[in-house]
């Protein structure tokens, strides 16, 4: 089962990462100024990850595939790692869809 891990950046901002059951990060967030905003981001991932059209399938300048998950307002709420193949990226998207709705939240900032 997946989990969201909330942590603090060096600049004091909060961030979350969604990790699969094997511990691998499958989605990382932007920085948030408050923990409440970060938790709202987690809820947004839970909701938006269930709609395939919310995933932007992209290619980096170096040719590696990756994806962004966007909210209904078009704002990016999470970005994946760079993948070696389109198939791997698509597996990453499926993993987010599967893990996000029931993922627990682990707060490492306390």
PDB file of N, CA and C in Angstrom:
ATOM      1  N   UNK A   1       0.837  -1.189   0.000  1.00  0.00           N
ATOM      2  CA  UNK A   1       0.000   0.000   0.000  1.00  0.00           C
ATOM      3  C   UNK A   1       0.879   1.248   0.000  1.00  0.00           C
ATOM      4  N   UNK A   2       0.454   2.241  -0.729  1.00  0.00           N
ATOM      5  CA  UNK A   2       1.241   3.460  -0.853  1.00  0.00           C
ATOM      6  C   UNK A   2       1.091   4.376   0.342  1.00  0.00           C
ATOM      7  N   UNK A   3       1.970   5.384   0.391  1.00  0.00           N
ATOM      8  CA  UNK A   3       1.855   6.388   1.444  1.00  0.00           C
ATOM      9  C   UNK A   3       2.382   7.731   0.951  1.00  0.00           C
ATOM     10  N   UNK A   4       1.792   8.779   1.493  1.00  0.00           N
ATOM     11  CA  UNK A   4       2.280  10.130   1.275  1.00  0.00           C
ATOM     12  C   UNK A   4       3.220  10.447   2.425  1.00  0.00           C
ATOM     13  N   UNK A   5       4.416  10.934   2.108  1.00  0.00           N
ATOM     14  CA  UNK A   5       5.369  11.322   3.137  1.00  0.00           C
ATOM     15  C   UNK A   5       5.526  12.837   3.069  1.00  0.00           C
ATOM     16  N   UNK A   6       5.195  13.499   4.177  1.00  0.00           N
ATOM     17  CA  UNK A   6       5.325  14.955   4.262  1.00  0.00           C
ATOM     18  C   UNK A   6       6.658  15.271   4.920  1.00  0.00           C
ATOM     19  N   UNK A   7       7.406  16.164   4.295  1.00  0.00           N
ATOM     20  CA  UNK A   7       8.712  16.552   4.828  1.00  0.00           C
ATOM     21  C   UNK A   7       8.912  18.050   4.649  1.00  0.00           C
ATOM     22  N   UNK A   8      10.017  18.550   5.187  1.00  0.00           N
ATOM     23  CA  UNK A   8      10.332  19.972   5.083  1.00  0.00           C
ATOM     24  C   UNK A   8      11.562  20.149   4.213  1.00  0.00           C
ATOM     25  N   UNK A   9      11.526  21.147   3.354  1.00  0.00           N
ATOM     26  CA  UNK A   9      12.679  21.485   2.523  1.00  0.00           C
ATOM     27  C   UNK A   9      13.648  22.350   3.325  1.00  0.00           C
ATOM     28  N   UNK A  10      14.849  22.505   2.806  1.00  0.00           N
ATOM     29  CA  UNK A  10      15.857  23.331   3.484  1.00  0.00           C
ATOM     30  C   UNK A  10      15.384  24.765   3.687  1.00  0.00           C
ATOM     31  N   UNK A  11      14.534  25.261   2.774  1.00  0.00           N
ATOM     32  CA  UNK A  11      14.040  26.635   2.881  1.00  0.00           C
ATOM     33  C   UNK A  11      12.826  26.755   3.799  1.00  0.00           C
ATOM     34  N   UNK A  12      12.441  25.653   4.464  1.00  0.00           N
ATOM     35  CA  UNK A  12      11.335  25.680   5.411  1.00  0.00           C
ATOM     36  C   UNK A  12       9.983  25.339   4.815  1.00  0.00           C
ATOM     37  N   UNK A  13       9.912  25.192   3.492  1.00  0.00           N
ATOM     38  CA  UNK A  13       8.639  24.843   2.867  1.00  0.00           C
ATOM     39  C   UNK A  13       8.328  23.362   3.102  1.00  0.00           C
ATOM     40  N   UNK A  14       7.043  23.050   3.056  1.00  0.00           N
ATOM     41  CA  UNK A  14       6.576  21.671   3.182  1.00  0.00           C
ATOM     42  C   UNK A  14       6.419  21.069   1.789  1.00  0.00           C
ATOM     43  N   UNK A  15       6.623  19.763   1.700  1.00  0.00           N
ATOM     44  CA  UNK A  15       6.429  19.045   0.445  1.00  0.00           C
ATOM     45  C   UNK A  15       5.927  17.648   0.768  1.00  0.00           C
ATOM     46  N   UNK A  16       5.336  16.998  -0.230  1.00  0.00           N
ATOM     47  CA  UNK A  16       4.956  15.597  -0.052  1.00  0.00           C
ATOM     48  C   UNK A  16       5.485  14.786  -1.211  1.00  0.00           C
ATOM     49  N   UNK A  17       5.674  13.515  -0.946  1.00  0.00           N
ATOM     50  CA  UNK A  17       5.958  12.574  -2.024  1.00  0.00           C
ATOM     51  C   UNK A  17       5.043  11.376  -1.825  1.00  0.00           C
ATOM     52  N   UNK A  18       4.550  10.858  -2.933  1.00  0.00           N
ATOM     53  CA  UNK A  18       3.747   9.644  -2.910  1.00  0.00           C
ATOM     54  C   UNK A  18       4.680   8.490  -3.204  1.00  0.00           C
ATOM     55  N   UNK A  19       4.711   7.536  -2.275  1.00  0.00           N
ATOM     56  CA  UNK A  19       5.583   6.374  -2.439  1.00  0.00           C
ATOM     57  C   UNK A  19       4.728   5.127  -2.621  1.00  0.00           C
ATOM     58  N   UNK A  20       5.173   4.270  -3.521  1.00  0.00           N
ATOM     59  CA  UNK A  20       4.495   2.992  -3.746  1.00  0.00           C
ATOM     60  C   UNK A  20       4.783   2.058  -2.572  1.00  0.00           C
ATOM     61  N   UNK A  21       4.118   0.918  -2.563  1.00  0.00           N
ATOM     62  CA  UNK A  21       4.302  -0.060  -1.494  1.00  0.00           C
ATOM     63  C   UNK A  21       5.740  -0.505  -1.322  1.00  0.00           C
ATOM     64  N   UNK A  22       6.535  -0.447  -2.410  1.00  0.00           N
ATOM     65  CA  UNK A  22       7.937  -0.856  -2.343  1.00  0.00           C
ATOM     66  C   UNK A  22       8.852   0.279  -1.878  1.00  0.00           C
ATOM     67  N   UNK A  23       8.258   1.449  -1.552  1.00  0.00           N
ATOM     68  CA  UNK A  23       9.042   2.570  -1.051  1.00  0.00           C
ATOM     69  C   UNK A  23       9.564   3.515  -2.112  1.00  0.00           C
ATOM     70  N   UNK A  24       9.340   3.189  -3.382  1.00  0.00           N
ATOM     71  CA  UNK A  24       9.828   4.043  -4.470  1.00  0.00           C
ATOM     72  C   UNK A  24       8.916   5.244  -4.650  1.00  0.00           C
ATOM     73  N   UNK A  25       9.518   6.440  -4.787  1.00  0.00           N
ATOM     74  CA  UNK A  25       8.722   7.646  -5.019  1.00  0.00           C
ATOM     75  C   UNK A  25       8.148   7.621  -6.423  1.00  0.00           C
ATOM     76  N   UNK A  26       6.828   7.865  -6.508  1.00  0.00           N
ATOM     77  CA  UNK A  26       6.181   7.887  -7.818  1.00  0.00           C
ATOM     78  C   UNK A  26       5.636   9.264  -8.169  1.00  0.00           C
ATOM     79  N   UNK A  27       5.579  10.181  -7.186  1.00  0.00           N
ATOM     80  CA  UNK A  27       5.100  11.537  -7.446  1.00  0.00           C
ATOM     81  C   UNK A  27       5.643  12.458  -6.366  1.00  0.00           C
ATOM     82  N   UNK A  28       6.166  13.606  -6.773  1.00  0.00           N
ATOM     83  CA  UNK A  28       6.671  14.594  -5.822  1.00  0.00           C
ATOM     84  C   UNK A  28       5.950  15.918  -6.011  1.00  0.00           C
ATOM     85  N   UNK A  29       5.806  16.660  -4.920  1.00  0.00           N
ATOM     86  CA  UNK A  29       5.058  17.920  -4.976  1.00  0.00           C
ATOM     87  C   UNK A  29       5.968  19.123  -5.089  1.00  0.00           C
ATOM     88  N   UNK A  30       5.326  20.255  -5.287  1.00  0.00           N
ATOM     89  CA  UNK A  30       5.988  21.547  -5.194  1.00  0.00           C
ATOM     90  C   UNK A  30       6.199  21.866  -3.707  1.00  0.00           C
ATOM     91  N   UNK A  31       6.780  23.013  -3.426  1.00  0.00           N
ATOM     92  CA  UNK A  31       6.919  23.465  -2.049  1.00  0.00           C
ATOM     93  C   UNK A  31       5.692  24.256  -1.624  1.00  0.00           C
ATOM     94  N   UNK A  32       5.262  24.045  -0.385  1.00  0.00           N
ATOM     95  CA  UNK A  32       4.119  24.753   0.188  1.00  0.00           C
ATOM     96  C   UNK A  32       4.580  25.550   1.400  1.00  0.00           C
ATOM     97  N   UNK A  33       4.000  26.732   1.604  1.00  0.00           N
ATOM     98  CA  UNK A  33       4.411  27.576   2.729  1.00  0.00           C
ATOM     99  C   UNK A  33       3.828  27.096   4.051  1.00  0.00           C
ATOM    100  N   UNK A  34       2.704  26.369   4.013  1.00  0.00           N
ATOM    101  CA  UNK A  34       2.107  25.858   5.253  1.00  0.00           C
ATOM    102  C   UNK A  34       1.838  24.361   5.128  1.00  0.00           C
ATOM    103  N   UNK A  35       1.775  23.705   6.280  1.00  0.00           N
ATOM    104  CA  UNK A  35       1.466  22.277   6.282  1.00  0.00           C
ATOM    105  C   UNK A  35       0.033  22.044   5.811  1.00  0.00           C
ATOM    106  N   UNK A  36      -0.875  22.953   6.164  1.00  0.00           N
ATOM    107  CA  UNK A  36      -2.269  22.820   5.734  1.00  0.00           C
ATOM    108  C   UNK A  36      -2.365  22.822   4.209  1.00  0.00           C
ATOM    109  N   UNK A  37      -1.618  23.710   3.557  1.00  0.00           N
ATOM    110  CA  UNK A  37      -1.629  23.758   2.095  1.00  0.00           C
ATOM    111  C   UNK A  37      -1.059  22.466   1.519  1.00  0.00           C
ATOM    112  N   UNK A  38      -0.040  21.925   2.159  1.00  0.00           N
ATOM    113  CA  UNK A  38       0.561  20.666   1.722  1.00  0.00           C
ATOM    114  C   UNK A  38      -0.461  19.528   1.828  1.00  0.00           C
ATOM    115  N   UNK A  39      -1.188  19.484   2.935  1.00  0.00           N
ATOM    116  CA  UNK A  39      -2.217  18.450   3.109  1.00  0.00           C
ATOM    117  C   UNK A  39      -3.343  18.612   2.094  1.00  0.00           C
ATOM    118  N   UNK A  40      -3.675  19.851   1.735  1.00  0.00           N
ATOM    119  CA  UNK A  40      -4.651  20.076   0.665  1.00  0.00           C
ATOM    120  C   UNK A  40      -4.139  19.505  -0.655  1.00  0.00           C
ATOM    121  N   UNK A  41      -2.823  19.631  -0.893  1.00  0.00           N
ATOM    122  CA  UNK A  41      -2.209  19.055  -2.083  1.00  0.00           C
ATOM    123  C   UNK A  41      -2.362  17.543  -2.116  1.00  0.00           C
ATOM    124  N   UNK A  42      -2.168  16.910  -0.953  1.00  0.00           N
ATOM    125  CA  UNK A  42      -2.351  15.457  -0.846  1.00  0.00           C
ATOM    126  C   UNK A  42      -3.781  15.085  -1.238  1.00  0.00           C
ATOM    127  N   UNK A  43      -4.757  15.806  -0.701  1.00  0.00           N
ATOM    128  CA  UNK A  43      -6.163  15.520  -1.028  1.00  0.00           C
ATOM    129  C   UNK A  43      -6.438  15.743  -2.507  1.00  0.00           C
ATOM    130  N   UNK A  44      -5.814  16.751  -3.078  1.00  0.00           N
ATOM    131  CA  UNK A  44      -5.981  17.017  -4.506  1.00  0.00           C
ATOM    132  C   UNK A  44      -5.437  15.865  -5.343  1.00  0.00           C
ATOM    133  N   UNK A  45      -4.313  15.280  -4.928  1.00  0.00           N
ATOM    134  CA  UNK A  45      -3.763  14.119  -5.635  1.00  0.00           C
ATOM    135  C   UNK A  45      -4.730  12.948  -5.532  1.00  0.00           C
ATOM    136  N   UNK A  46      -5.250  12.702  -4.337  1.00  0.00           N
ATOM    137  CA  UNK A  46      -6.204  11.593  -4.151  1.00  0.00           C
ATOM    138  C   UNK A  46      -7.359  11.717  -5.148  1.00  0.00           C
ATOM    139  N   UNK A  47      -7.909  12.930  -5.253  1.00  0.00           N
ATOM    140  CA  UNK A  47      -9.084  13.166  -6.097  1.00  0.00           C
ATOM    141  C   UNK A  47      -8.718  13.148  -7.582  1.00  0.00           C
ATOM    142  N   UNK A  48      -7.727  13.924  -7.976  1.00  0.00           N
ATOM    143  CA  UNK A  48      -7.418  14.097  -9.396  1.00  0.00           C
ATOM    144  C   UNK A  48      -6.732  12.893 -10.027  1.00  0.00           C
ATOM    145  N   UNK A  49      -6.104  12.053  -9.224  1.00  0.00           N
ATOM    146  CA  UNK A  49      -5.392  10.891  -9.775  1.00  0.00           C
ATOM    147  C   UNK A  49      -6.348   9.857 -10.368  1.00  0.00           C
ATOM    148  N   UNK A  50      -7.623   9.997 -10.098  1.00  0.00           N
ATOM    149  CA  UNK A  50      -8.580   9.024 -10.609  1.00  0.00           C
ATOM    150  C   UNK A  50      -9.108   9.390 -11.994  1.00  0.00           C
ATOM    151  N   UNK A  51      -8.679  10.532 -12.524  1.00  0.00           N
ATOM    152  CA  UNK A  51      -9.089  10.956 -13.863  1.00  0.00           C
ATOM    153  C   UNK A  51      -7.876  10.965 -14.785  1.00  0.00           C
ATOM    154  N   UNK A  52      -7.893  10.096 -15.773  1.00  0.00           N
ATOM    155  CA  UNK A  52      -6.738   9.956 -16.666  1.00  0.00           C
ATOM    156  C   UNK A  52      -6.375  11.270 -17.357  1.00  0.00           C
ATOM    157  N   UNK A  53      -7.377  12.084 -17.660  1.00  0.00           N
ATOM    158  CA  UNK A  53      -7.110  13.341 -18.369  1.00  0.00           C
ATOM    159  C   UNK A  53      -6.324  14.342 -17.527  1.00  0.00           C
ATOM    160  N   UNK A  54      -6.180  14.095 -16.243  1.00  0.00           N
ATOM    161  CA  UNK A  54      -5.408  14.986 -15.364  1.00  0.00           C
ATOM    162  C   UNK A  54      -3.900  14.738 -15.471  1.00  0.00           C
ATOM    163  N   UNK A  55      -3.517  13.659 -16.138  1.00  0.00           N
ATOM    164  CA  UNK A  55      -2.094  13.334 -16.298  1.00  0.00           C
ATOM    165  C   UNK A  55      -1.578  13.881 -17.620  1.00  0.00           C
ATOM    166  N   UNK A  56      -0.572  14.736 -17.550  1.00  0.00           N
ATOM    167  CA  UNK A  56       0.112  15.210 -18.754  1.00  0.00           C
ATOM    168  C   UNK A  56       1.318  14.313 -18.989  1.00  0.00           C
ATOM    169  N   UNK A  57       1.301  13.616 -20.104  1.00  0.00           N
ATOM    170  CA  UNK A  57       2.419  12.735 -20.463  1.00  0.00           C
ATOM    171  C   UNK A  57       3.400  13.562 -21.284  1.00  0.00           C
ATOM    172  N   UNK A  58       4.605  13.725 -20.761  1.00  0.00           N
ATOM    173  CA  UNK A  58       5.575  14.657 -21.334  1.00  0.00           C
ATOM    174  C   UNK A  58       6.910  13.987 -21.619  1.00  0.00           C
ATOM    175  N   UNK A  59       7.778  14.740 -22.305  1.00  0.00           N
ATOM    176  CA  UNK A  59       9.137  14.282 -22.576  1.00  0.00           C
ATOM    177  C   UNK A  59      10.100  15.416 -22.235  1.00  0.00           C
ATOM    178  N   UNK A  60      11.109  15.105 -21.439  1.00  0.00           N
ATOM    179  CA  UNK A  60      12.109  16.103 -21.047  1.00  0.00           C
ATOM    180  C   UNK A  60      13.023  16.419 -22.228  1.00  0.00           C
ATOM    181  N   UNK A  61      13.793  17.478 -22.097  1.00  0.00           N
ATOM    182  CA  UNK A  61      14.718  17.877 -23.166  1.00  0.00           C
ATOM    183  C   UNK A  61      15.714  16.774 -23.501  1.00  0.00           C
ATOM    184  N   UNK A  62      16.027  15.945 -22.496  1.00  0.00           N
ATOM    185  CA  UNK A  62      16.980  14.849 -22.734  1.00  0.00           C
ATOM    186  C   UNK A  62      16.293  13.608 -23.320  1.00  0.00           C
ATOM    187  N   UNK A  63      14.988  13.733 -23.636  1.00  0.00           N
ATOM    188  CA  UNK A  63      14.269  12.636 -24.273  1.00  0.00           C
ATOM    189  C   UNK A  63      13.608  11.668 -23.315  1.00  0.00           C
ATOM    190  N   UNK A  64      13.788  11.868 -22.018  1.00  0.00           N
ATOM    191  CA  UNK A  64      13.210  10.927 -21.046  1.00  0.00           C
ATOM    192  C   UNK A  64      11.750  11.282 -20.763  1.00  0.00           C
ATOM    193  N   UNK A  65      10.875  10.272 -20.773  1.00  0.00           N
ATOM    194  CA  UNK A  65       9.465  10.510 -20.488  1.00  0.00           C
ATOM    195  C   UNK A  65       9.232  10.764 -18.991  1.00  0.00           C
ATOM    196  N   UNK A  66       8.246  11.601 -18.690  1.00  0.00           N
ATOM    197  CA  UNK A  66       7.796  11.839 -17.319  1.00  0.00           C
ATOM    198  C   UNK A  66       6.350  12.328 -17.396  1.00  0.00           C
ATOM    199  N   UNK A  67       5.738  12.580 -16.221  1.00  0.00           N
ATOM    200  CA  UNK A  67       4.374  13.091 -16.231  1.00  0.00           C
ATOM    201  C   UNK A  67       4.162  14.101 -15.117  1.00  0.00           C
ATOM    202  N   UNK A  68       3.174  14.957 -15.339  1.00  0.00           N
ATOM    203  CA  UNK A  68       2.666  15.871 -14.324  1.00  0.00           C
ATOM    204  C   UNK A  68       1.222  15.503 -14.051  1.00  0.00           C
ATOM    205  N   UNK A  69       0.819  15.632 -12.793  1.00  0.00           N
ATOM    206  CA  UNK A  69      -0.586  15.493 -12.425  1.00  0.00           C
ATOM    207  C   UNK A  69      -1.113  16.890 -12.158  1.00  0.00           C
ATOM    208  N   UNK A  70      -2.203  17.245 -12.820  1.00  0.00           N
ATOM    209  CA  UNK A  70      -2.763  18.591 -12.694  1.00  0.00           C
ATOM    210  C   UNK A  70      -4.122  18.567 -12.014  1.00  0.00           C
ATOM    211  N   UNK A  71      -4.403  19.657 -11.292  1.00  0.00           N
ATOM    212  CA  UNK A  71      -5.709  19.840 -10.673  1.00  0.00           C
ATOM    213  C   UNK A  71      -6.701  20.330 -11.724  1.00  0.00           C
ATOM    214  N   UNK A  72      -7.963  20.449 -11.334  1.00  0.00           N
ATOM    215  CA  UNK A  72      -8.995  20.897 -12.268  1.00  0.00           C
ATOM    216  C   UNK A  72      -8.716  22.300 -12.786  1.00  0.00           C
ATOM    217  N   UNK A  73      -8.005  23.122 -11.999  1.00  0.00           N
ATOM    218  CA  UNK A  73      -7.676  24.491 -12.435  1.00  0.00           C
ATOM    219  C   UNK A  73      -6.428  24.546 -13.311  1.00  0.00           C
ATOM    220  N   UNK A  74      -5.844  23.384 -13.618  1.00  0.00           N
ATOM    221  CA  UNK A  74      -4.672  23.329 -14.479  1.00  0.00           C
ATOM    222  C   UNK A  74      -3.345  23.444 -13.753  1.00  0.00           C
ATOM    223  N   UNK A  75      -3.384  23.672 -12.439  1.00  0.00           N
ATOM    224  CA  UNK A  75      -2.146  23.793 -11.661  1.00  0.00           C
ATOM    225  C   UNK A  75      -1.509  22.423 -11.453  1.00  0.00           C
ATOM    226  N   UNK A  76      -0.189  22.359 -11.598  1.00  0.00           N
ATOM    227  CA  UNK A  76       0.534  21.100 -11.376  1.00  0.00           C
ATOM    228  C   UNK A  76       0.577  20.812  -9.878  1.00  0.00           C
ATOM    229  N   UNK A  77       0.122  19.614  -9.487  1.00  0.00           N
ATOM    230  CA  UNK A  77       0.160  19.235  -8.073  1.00  0.00           C
ATOM    231  C   UNK A  77       1.198  18.164  -7.795  1.00  0.00           C
ATOM    232  N   UNK A  78       1.755  17.578  -8.833  1.00  0.00           N
ATOM    233  CA  UNK A  78       2.798  16.584  -8.635  1.00  0.00           C
ATOM    234  C   UNK A  78       3.512  16.268  -9.931  1.00  0.00           C
ATOM    235  N   UNK A  79       4.788  15.919  -9.810  1.00  0.00           N
ATOM    236  CA  UNK A  79       5.628  15.588 -10.955  1.00  0.00           C
ATOM    237  C   UNK A  79       6.330  14.265 -10.677  1.00  0.00           C
ATOM    238  N   UNK A  80       6.450  13.463 -11.719  1.00  0.00           N
ATOM    239  CA  UNK A  80       7.118  12.161 -11.576  1.00  0.00           C
ATOM    240  C   UNK A  80       8.623  12.295 -11.747  1.00  0.00           C
ATOM    241  N   UNK A  81       9.288  11.177 -11.548  1.00  0.00           N
ATOM    242  CA  UNK A  81      10.699  11.070 -11.889  1.00  0.00           C
ATOM    243  C   UNK A  81      10.824  10.980 -13.410  1.00  0.00           C
ATOM    244  N   UNK A  82      12.040  10.980 -13.903  1.00  0.00           N
ATOM    245  CA  UNK A  82      12.296  10.731 -15.327  1.00  0.00           C
ATOM    246  C   UNK A  82      12.375   9.214 -15.525  1.00  0.00           C
ATOM    247  N   UNK A  83      11.718   8.750 -16.563  1.00  0.00           N
ATOM    248  CA  UNK A  83      11.686   7.313 -16.850  1.00  0.00           C
ATOM    249  C   UNK A  83      12.546   6.995 -18.066  1.00  0.00           C
ATOM    250  N   UNK A  84      12.916   5.733 -18.184  1.00  0.00           N
ATOM    251  CA  UNK A  84      13.731   5.281 -19.306  1.00  0.00           C
ATOM    252  C   UNK A  84      12.890   4.994 -20.546  1.00  0.00           C
ATOM    253  N   UNK A  85      11.592   4.750 -20.344  1.00  0.00           N
ATOM    254  CA  UNK A  85      10.737   4.421 -21.496  1.00  0.00           C
ATOM    255  C   UNK A  85       9.326   4.945 -21.261  1.00  0.00           C
ATOM    256  N   UNK A  86       8.574   5.066 -22.355  1.00  0.00           N
ATOM    257  CA  UNK A  86       7.176   5.483 -22.273  1.00  0.00           C
ATOM    258  C   UNK A  86       6.381   4.448 -21.474  1.00  0.00           C
ATOM    259  N   UNK A  87       6.684   3.171 -21.675  1.00  0.00           N
ATOM    260  CA  UNK A  87       5.973   2.113 -20.947  1.00  0.00           C
ATOM    261  C   UNK A  87       6.194   2.240 -19.442  1.00  0.00           C
ATOM    262  N   UNK A  88       7.424   2.554 -19.038  1.00  0.00           N
ATOM    263  CA  UNK A  88       7.714   2.735 -17.612  1.00  0.00           C
ATOM    264  C   UNK A  88       6.949   3.932 -17.053  1.00  0.00           C
ATOM    265  N   UNK A  89       6.907   5.019 -17.823  1.00  0.00           N
ATOM    266  CA  UNK A  89       6.154   6.202 -17.391  1.00  0.00           C
ATOM    267  C   UNK A  89       4.677   5.852 -17.216  1.00  0.00           C
ATOM    268  N   UNK A  90       4.125   5.141 -18.185  1.00  0.00           N
ATOM    269  CA  UNK A  90       2.717   4.772 -18.105  1.00  0.00           C
ATOM    270  C   UNK A  90       2.445   3.862 -16.913  1.00  0.00           C
ATOM    271  N   UNK A  91       3.395   2.992 -16.583  1.00  0.00           N
ATOM    272  CA  UNK A  91       3.277   2.172 -15.375  1.00  0.00           C
ATOM    273  C   UNK A  91       3.281   3.055 -14.132  1.00  0.00           C
ATOM    274  N   UNK A  92       4.099   4.124 -14.153  1.00  0.00           N
ATOM    275  CA  UNK A  92       4.140   5.074 -13.041  1.00  0.00           C
ATOM    276  C   UNK A  92       2.790   5.743 -12.841  1.00  0.00           C
ATOM    277  N   UNK A  93       2.148   6.135 -13.927  1.00  0.00           N
ATOM    278  CA  UNK A  93       0.820   6.749 -13.861  1.00  0.00           C
ATOM    279  C   UNK A  93      -0.179   5.768 -13.250  1.00  0.00           C
ATOM    280  N   UNK A  94      -0.149   4.526 -13.712  1.00  0.00           N
ATOM    281  CA  UNK A  94      -1.060   3.514 -13.166  1.00  0.00           C
ATOM    282  C   UNK A  94      -0.804   3.296 -11.676  1.00  0.00           C
ATOM    283  N   UNK A  95       0.453   3.383 -11.269  1.00  0.00           N
ATOM    284  CA  UNK A  95       0.797   3.221  -9.859  1.00  0.00           C
ATOM    285  C   UNK A  95       0.226   4.367  -9.019  1.00  0.00           C
ATOM    286  N   UNK A  96       0.277   5.587  -9.545  1.00  0.00           N
ATOM    287  CA  UNK A  96      -0.322   6.724  -8.835  1.00  0.00           C
ATOM    288  C   UNK A  96      -1.827   6.509  -8.702  1.00  0.00           C
ATOM    289  N   UNK A  97      -2.474   6.106  -9.792  1.00  0.00           N
ATOM    290  CA  UNK A  97      -3.921   5.874  -9.765  1.00  0.00           C
ATOM    291  C   UNK A  97      -4.285   4.825  -8.715  1.00  0.00           C
ATOM    292  N   UNK A  98      -3.467   3.789  -8.610  1.00  0.00           N
ATOM    293  CA  UNK A  98      -3.740   2.686  -7.701  1.00  0.00           C
ATOM    294  C   UNK A  98      -3.430   3.052  -6.250  1.00  0.00           C
ATOM    295  N   UNK A  99      -2.310   3.743  -6.024  1.00  0.00           N
ATOM    296  CA  UNK A  99      -1.848   3.991  -4.656  1.00  0.00           C
ATOM    297  C   UNK A  99      -2.447   5.223  -3.981  1.00  0.00           C
ATOM    298  N   UNK A 100      -2.719   6.278  -4.746  1.00  0.00           N
ATOM    299  CA  UNK A 100      -3.098   7.553  -4.138  1.00  0.00           C
ATOM    300  C   UNK A 100      -4.393   7.530  -3.314  1.00  0.00           C
ATOM    301  N   UNK A 101      -5.483   6.908  -3.787  1.00  0.00           N
ATOM    302  CA  UNK A 101      -6.745   7.053  -3.066  1.00  0.00           C
ATOM    303  C   UNK A 101      -6.714   6.571  -1.606  1.00  0.00           C
ATOM    304  N   UNK A 102      -6.014   5.490  -1.347  1.00  0.00           N
ATOM    305  CA  UNK A 102      -6.019   4.888  -0.002  1.00  0.00           C
ATOM    306  C   UNK A 102      -4.688   5.028   0.725  1.00  0.00           C
ATOM    307  N   UNK A 103      -3.785   5.826   0.168  1.00  0.00           N
ATOM    308  CA  UNK A 103      -2.462   5.959   0.779  1.00  0.00           C
ATOM    309  C   UNK A 103      -2.560   6.627   2.143  1.00  0.00           C
ATOM    310  N   UNK A 104      -1.779   6.127   3.079  1.00  0.00           N
ATOM    311  CA  UNK A 104      -1.701   6.749   4.391  1.00  0.00           C
ATOM    312  C   UNK A 104      -0.823   7.993   4.307  1.00  0.00           C
ATOM    313  N   UNK A 105      -0.843   8.815   5.348  1.00  0.00           N
ATOM    314  CA  UNK A 105      -0.014  10.014   5.395  1.00  0.00           C
ATOM    315  C   UNK A 105       0.964   9.864   6.553  1.00  0.00           C
ATOM    316  N   UNK A 106       2.243   9.995   6.226  1.00  0.00           N
ATOM    317  CA  UNK A 106       3.292   9.947   7.250  1.00  0.00           C
ATOM    318  C   UNK A 106       3.921  11.343   7.309  1.00  0.00           C
ATOM    319  N   UNK A 107       3.795  11.989   8.449  1.00  0.00           N
ATOM    320  CA  UNK A 107       4.296  13.340   8.637  1.00  0.00           C
ATOM    321  C   UNK A 107       5.653  13.282   9.343  1.00  0.00           C
ATOM    322  N   UNK A 108       6.721  13.586   8.608  1.00  0.00           N
ATOM    323  CA  UNK A 108       8.067  13.538   9.192  1.00  0.00           C
ATOM    324  C   UNK A 108       8.510  14.896   9.719  1.00  0.00           C
ATOM    325  N   UNK A 109       7.598  15.888   9.719  1.00  0.00           N
ATOM    326  CA  UNK A 109       7.966  17.237  10.148  1.00  0.00           C
ATOM    327  C   UNK A 109       7.746  17.457  11.635  1.00  0.00           C
ATOM    328  N   UNK A 110       7.019  16.548  12.273  1.00  0.00           N
ATOM    329  CA  UNK A 110       6.654  16.745  13.687  1.00  0.00           C
ATOM    330  C   UNK A 110       7.849  16.585  14.611  1.00  0.00           C
TER     331      UNK A 110
END
